[in-house]
Amino acid sequence: MTDRIWQKSSFSGTGISDNCLEVMAAPTGQVHFRESDRPGEILTTTPARWAAFLRRIKADEVGAL
């Protein structure tokens, strides 16, 4: 998965210590995401579930973890 390009939010910093969530669309149609300071731990979901997750974040419906 190192040959793929991970993207992060423009709200994230650009420094090496600026940790953030990174996301990548896989050729299989799945969405992979990871925490930038733990690049070896990758989670996978479907585009529909990813979109629902983003909608909840934008609506401020996601509680503190």
C-alpha atoms as a PDB file:
ATOM      1  CA  MET A   1       0.000   0.000   0.000  1.00  0.00           C
ATOM      2  CA  THR A   2       3.037   2.251   0.000  1.00  0.00           C
ATOM      3  CA  ASP A   3       2.670   2.877  -3.745  1.00  0.00           C
ATOM      4  CA  ARG A   4      -0.633   4.689  -3.141  1.00  0.00           C
ATOM      5  CA  ILE A   5      -0.985   8.356  -2.272  1.00  0.00           C
ATOM      6  CA  TRP A   6      -2.454   9.141   1.132  1.00  0.00           C
ATOM      7  CA  GLN A   7      -4.319  12.422   1.477  1.00  0.00           C
ATOM      8  CA  LYS A   8      -4.893  14.521   4.547  1.00  0.00           C
ATOM      9  CA  SER A   9      -7.122  17.451   5.311  1.00  0.00           C
ATOM     10  CA  SER A  10      -5.990  20.922   4.352  1.00  0.00           C
ATOM     11  CA  PHE A  11      -6.752  21.813   7.987  1.00  0.00           C
ATOM     12  CA  SER A  12      -3.855  19.607   9.075  1.00  0.00           C
ATOM     13  CA  GLY A  13      -0.449  21.117   9.560  1.00  0.00           C
ATOM     14  CA  THR A  14       2.402  20.475   7.186  1.00  0.00           C
ATOM     15  CA  GLY A  15       5.099  19.790   9.777  1.00  0.00           C
ATOM     16  CA  ILE A  16       6.418  16.349  10.562  1.00  0.00           C
ATOM     17  CA  SER A  17       4.823  16.359  14.035  1.00  0.00           C
ATOM     18  CA  ASP A  18       1.372  17.412  12.807  1.00  0.00           C
ATOM     19  CA  ASN A  19      -0.586  14.177  13.231  1.00  0.00           C
ATOM     20  CA  CYS A  20      -3.834  13.776  11.372  1.00  0.00           C
ATOM     21  CA  LEU A  21      -6.170  11.330   9.730  1.00  0.00           C
ATOM     22  CA  GLU A  22      -5.076  10.272   6.247  1.00  0.00           C
ATOM     23  CA  VAL A  23      -7.339   8.680   3.657  1.00  0.00           C
ATOM     24  CA  MET A  24      -6.823   6.802   0.406  1.00  0.00           C
ATOM     25  CA  ALA A  25      -9.241   5.451  -2.184  1.00  0.00           C
ATOM     26  CA  ALA A  26      -8.165   1.942  -3.165  1.00  0.00           C
ATOM     27  CA  PRO A  27      -8.485   0.544  -6.702  1.00  0.00           C
ATOM     28  CA  THR A  28     -10.880  -2.045  -5.237  1.00  0.00           C
ATOM     29  CA  GLY A  29     -13.342   0.736  -4.403  1.00  0.00           C
ATOM     30  CA  GLN A  30     -12.692   0.545  -0.683  1.00  0.00           C
ATOM     31  CA  VAL A  31     -11.595   3.471   1.458  1.00  0.00           C
ATOM     32  CA  HIS A  32      -8.520   3.086   3.647  1.00  0.00           C
ATOM     33  CA  PHE A  33      -7.725   5.440   6.498  1.00  0.00           C
ATOM     34  CA  ARG A  34      -5.047   5.722   9.149  1.00  0.00           C
ATOM     35  CA  GLU A  35      -3.588   8.011  11.780  1.00  0.00           C
ATOM     36  CA  SER A  36      -0.479   9.661  10.372  1.00  0.00           C
ATOM     37  CA  ASP A  37       1.605   8.860  13.441  1.00  0.00           C
ATOM     38  CA  ARG A  38       0.665   5.139  13.150  1.00  0.00           C
ATOM     39  CA  PRO A  39       0.941   4.468   9.400  1.00  0.00           C
ATOM     40  CA  GLY A  40       1.084   0.695   9.809  1.00  0.00           C
ATOM     41  CA  GLU A  41      -2.414   0.520  11.310  1.00  0.00           C
ATOM     42  CA  ILE A  42      -4.845   0.851   8.405  1.00  0.00           C
ATOM     43  CA  LEU A  43      -8.615   0.608   8.658  1.00  0.00           C
ATOM     44  CA  THR A  44     -10.827  -0.164   5.664  1.00  0.00           C
ATOM     45  CA  THR A  45     -14.442   0.704   4.943  1.00  0.00           C
ATOM     46  CA  THR A  46     -16.868   1.088   2.066  1.00  0.00           C
ATOM     47  CA  PRO A  47     -17.486   4.381   0.270  1.00  0.00           C
ATOM     48  CA  ALA A  48     -21.069   4.450   1.614  1.00  0.00           C
ATOM     49  CA  ARG A  49     -19.953   4.066   5.223  1.00  0.00           C
ATOM     50  CA  TRP A  50     -17.181   6.639   4.743  1.00  0.00           C
ATOM     51  CA  ALA A  51     -19.711   9.122   3.328  1.00  0.00           C
ATOM     52  CA  ALA A  52     -22.056   8.495   6.278  1.00  0.00           C
ATOM     53  CA  PHE A  53     -19.143   9.048   8.680  1.00  0.00           C
ATOM     54  CA  LEU A  54     -18.284  12.367   7.010  1.00  0.00           C
ATOM     55  CA  ARG A  55     -21.931  13.484   7.091  1.00  0.00           C
ATOM     56  CA  ARG A  56     -22.056  12.817  10.838  1.00  0.00           C
ATOM     57  CA  ILE A  57     -18.852  14.755  11.417  1.00  0.00           C
ATOM     58  CA  LYS A  58     -20.117  17.708   9.395  1.00  0.00           C
ATOM     59  CA  ALA A  59     -23.397  17.632  11.340  1.00  0.00           C
ATOM     60  CA  ASP A  60     -21.377  17.485  14.602  1.00  0.00           C
ATOM     61  CA  GLU A  61     -23.049  14.210  15.555  1.00  0.00           C
ATOM     62  CA  VAL A  62     -19.874  12.345  16.478  1.00  0.00           C
ATOM     63  CA  GLY A  63     -19.274  12.321  20.218  1.00  0.00           C
ATOM     64  CA  ALA A  64     -15.909  12.551  21.874  1.00  0.00           C
ATOM     65  CA  LEU A  65     -14.040   9.266  21.867  1.00  0.00           C
END
